[in-house]
Amino acid sequence: MSIQFGQDLPQERPEPQGRAALLVPTATIKDDVLQQVRKGAAIVGFGNHDRTVTIYYESNRFNEPGLQKWEQRARKAYDRMVENLPTTSKMTVRQDFFEQVGYINGKGITIRHMDKLKRWLEFSDALASAPETDFIAYAAPAAPKKIKIE
């Protein structure tokens, strides 16, 4: 079975607030790539002109409390990608190793294939971290508090 990416796959690194793909591994993924990405990781990325995808991933390797949910890990990987921050949690791979399950941008996450995402998380023994809905909106950061000087 080959996985097809259509015109929906974002091409080139998105600008801050721009749209990127949410991805999960396929059955064709090589074992060494899967070991590097780690089971249960949130994977975001974009297509390249040479028919590869550049992915950024977050698996919460160090068990940080703020990254227990899949959507929190997806947001961290997305922020790292759009800011082009240095990281070892990045690689460029063949498109057939991953399939797109939704989108992420500065406003939130849209999951179009929840069944495939849940299958990945179940395979990873991380189903409890799955999102409850297929759209997760990001709350705007709170305005800074005004300081009264008397």
Protein backbone atom coordinates (compact mmCIF):
# COMPACT_ATOMS: atom_id res chain seq x y z
CA MET A 1 0.00 0.00 0.00
CA SER A 2 1.41 3.36 -0.92
CA ILE A 3 0.52 6.49 0.96
CA GLN A 4 -0.34 9.44 -1.22
CA PHE A 5 0.24 13.02 -0.22
CA GLY A 6 -1.95 15.39 -2.15
CA GLN A 7 -1.97 19.11 -2.52
CA ASP A 8 -2.86 19.30 1.18
CA LEU A 9 0.72 18.61 2.31
CA PRO A 10 2.24 21.99 3.23
CA GLN A 11 5.39 22.65 1.21
CA GLU A 12 8.46 24.28 2.76
CA ARG A 13 8.91 25.43 6.35
CA PRO A 14 5.89 27.45 7.50
CA GLU A 15 6.20 30.95 8.84
CA PRO A 16 5.22 31.47 12.49
CA GLN A 17 1.45 30.91 12.74
CA GLY A 18 1.57 29.06 9.38
CA ARG A 19 0.22 25.59 8.62
CA ALA A 20 2.20 22.36 8.96
CA ALA A 21 1.21 18.71 8.62
CA LEU A 22 0.54 16.34 11.52
CA LEU A 23 2.01 12.95 10.65
CA VAL A 24 2.07 9.37 11.91
CA PRO A 25 4.38 6.54 10.81
CA THR A 26 3.23 4.02 8.22
CA ALA A 27 3.94 0.30 8.10
CA THR A 28 6.82 0.97 5.65
CA ILE A 29 8.86 2.99 8.15
CA LYS A 30 12.38 1.66 8.68
CA ASP A 31 13.13 0.42 12.19
CA ASP A 32 16.06 2.81 12.69
CA VAL A 33 13.85 5.80 11.85
CA LEU A 34 11.13 4.59 14.22
CA GLN A 35 13.66 4.11 17.03
CA GLN A 36 14.91 7.65 16.56
CA VAL A 37 11.42 9.19 16.47
CA ARG A 38 10.28 7.00 19.40
CA LYS A 39 6.86 5.53 19.97
CA GLY A 40 4.08 7.95 20.91
CA ALA A 41 5.85 10.99 19.47
CA ALA A 42 3.92 13.91 18.04
CA ILE A 43 5.29 14.47 14.53
CA VAL A 44 4.88 17.66 12.51
CA GLY A 45 6.39 18.49 9.17
CA PHE A 46 6.30 19.80 5.65
CA GLY A 47 6.99 18.50 2.16
CA ASN A 48 10.09 19.18 0.14
CA HIS A 49 10.42 19.49 -3.63
CA ASP A 50 12.44 16.25 -3.85
CA ARG A 51 9.46 14.20 -2.56
CA THR A 52 10.80 13.91 0.98
CA VAL A 53 9.32 15.31 4.18
CA THR A 54 11.12 17.23 6.87
CA ILE A 55 9.78 16.23 10.26
CA TYR A 56 10.14 17.58 13.77
CA TYR A 57 9.04 15.35 16.60
CA GLU A 58 8.57 15.40 20.34
CA SER A 59 8.30 12.21 22.37
CA ASN A 60 8.74 13.67 25.86
CA ARG A 61 11.87 11.63 26.37
CA PHE A 62 12.58 13.26 29.73
CA ASN A 63 8.99 12.89 31.03
CA GLU A 64 8.26 16.60 31.47
CA PRO A 65 4.89 17.21 33.20
CA GLY A 66 3.84 19.81 30.60
CA LEU A 67 4.22 17.32 27.73
CA GLN A 68 2.06 14.42 28.91
CA LYS A 69 -0.66 14.95 26.30
CA TRP A 70 -0.06 14.32 22.60
CA GLU A 71 -1.29 17.80 21.62
CA GLN A 72 1.21 19.41 24.01
CA ARG A 73 4.02 17.49 22.34
CA ALA A 74 2.70 18.47 18.90
CA ARG A 75 2.72 22.14 19.87
CA LYS A 76 6.30 21.92 21.16
CA ALA A 77 7.50 20.25 17.94
CA TYR A 78 5.59 22.84 15.86
CA ASP A 79 7.09 25.79 17.77
CA ARG A 80 10.56 24.33 17.34
CA MET A 81 9.95 23.92 13.60
CA VAL A 82 8.54 27.37 12.80
CA GLU A 83 11.24 29.09 14.84
CA ASN A 84 13.88 26.89 13.14
CA LEU A 85 15.45 26.19 16.53
CA PRO A 86 18.47 23.89 16.73
CA THR A 87 17.40 20.36 17.66
CA THR A 88 18.30 16.72 17.24
CA SER A 89 14.56 15.91 17.00
CA LYS A 90 14.42 16.61 13.29
CA MET A 91 15.07 14.66 10.10
CA THR A 92 14.33 14.53 6.40
CA VAL A 93 12.89 11.20 5.26
CA ARG A 94 11.01 9.53 2.42
CA GLN A 95 7.34 10.45 2.19
CA ASP A 96 6.18 6.84 2.31
CA PHE A 97 7.44 6.49 5.91
CA PHE A 98 4.68 8.83 7.14
CA GLU A 99 1.09 9.74 6.42
CA GLN A 100 -0.74 12.95 7.15
CA VAL A 101 -3.52 12.90 9.75
CA GLY A 102 -4.20 16.63 10.11
CA TYR A 103 -2.81 20.13 10.45
CA ILE A 104 -1.32 22.39 13.05
CA ASN A 105 -0.94 26.15 12.93
CA GLY A 106 -0.74 29.09 15.30
CA LYS A 107 -4.48 28.84 16.08
CA GLY A 108 -4.69 25.15 16.91
CA ILE A 109 -4.71 21.55 15.78
CA THR A 110 -7.15 20.00 13.29
CA ILE A 111 -7.18 16.22 13.11
CA ARG A 112 -8.78 14.78 9.99
CA HIS A 113 -7.97 11.10 10.62
CA MET A 114 -8.41 10.50 14.35
CA ASP A 115 -8.55 6.73 13.79
CA LYS A 116 -5.02 6.69 12.36
CA LEU A 117 -3.70 8.91 15.14
CA LYS A 118 -5.28 6.68 17.77
CA ARG A 119 -3.88 3.60 16.06
CA TRP A 120 -0.36 5.12 16.33
CA LEU A 121 -0.87 6.02 19.98
CA GLU A 122 -2.33 2.60 20.78
CA PHE A 123 0.64 0.90 19.09
CA SER A 124 2.86 3.12 21.26
CA ASP A 125 1.02 2.30 24.51
CA ALA A 126 0.18 6.02 24.72
CA LEU A 127 -3.54 6.01 23.92
CA ALA A 128 -4.27 7.84 27.18
CA SER A 129 -2.46 10.90 25.74
CA ALA A 130 -4.78 11.09 22.70
CA PRO A 131 -6.80 14.26 22.11
CA GLU A 132 -10.45 14.13 23.10
CA THR A 133 -11.68 16.08 20.06
CA ASP A 134 -10.56 16.56 16.48
CA PHE A 135 -9.95 20.31 16.98
CA ILE A 136 -7.84 21.78 19.74
CA ALA A 137 -7.79 25.57 19.85
CA TYR A 138 -4.89 27.46 21.37
CA ALA A 139 -5.77 30.05 23.96
CA ALA A 140 -4.20 33.44 23.46
CA PRO A 141 -1.53 34.22 26.02
CA ALA A 142 -2.74 36.24 28.97
CA ALA A 143 -2.07 39.96 28.83
CA PRO A 144 0.70 41.10 31.15
CA LYS A 145 -0.51 42.46 34.45
CA LYS A 146 -0.19 46.16 35.02
CA ILE A 147 1.95 47.11 37.94
CA LYS A 148 0.78 50.00 40.05
CA ILE A 149 3.56 52.15 41.35
CA GLU A 150 2.55 54.36 44.23
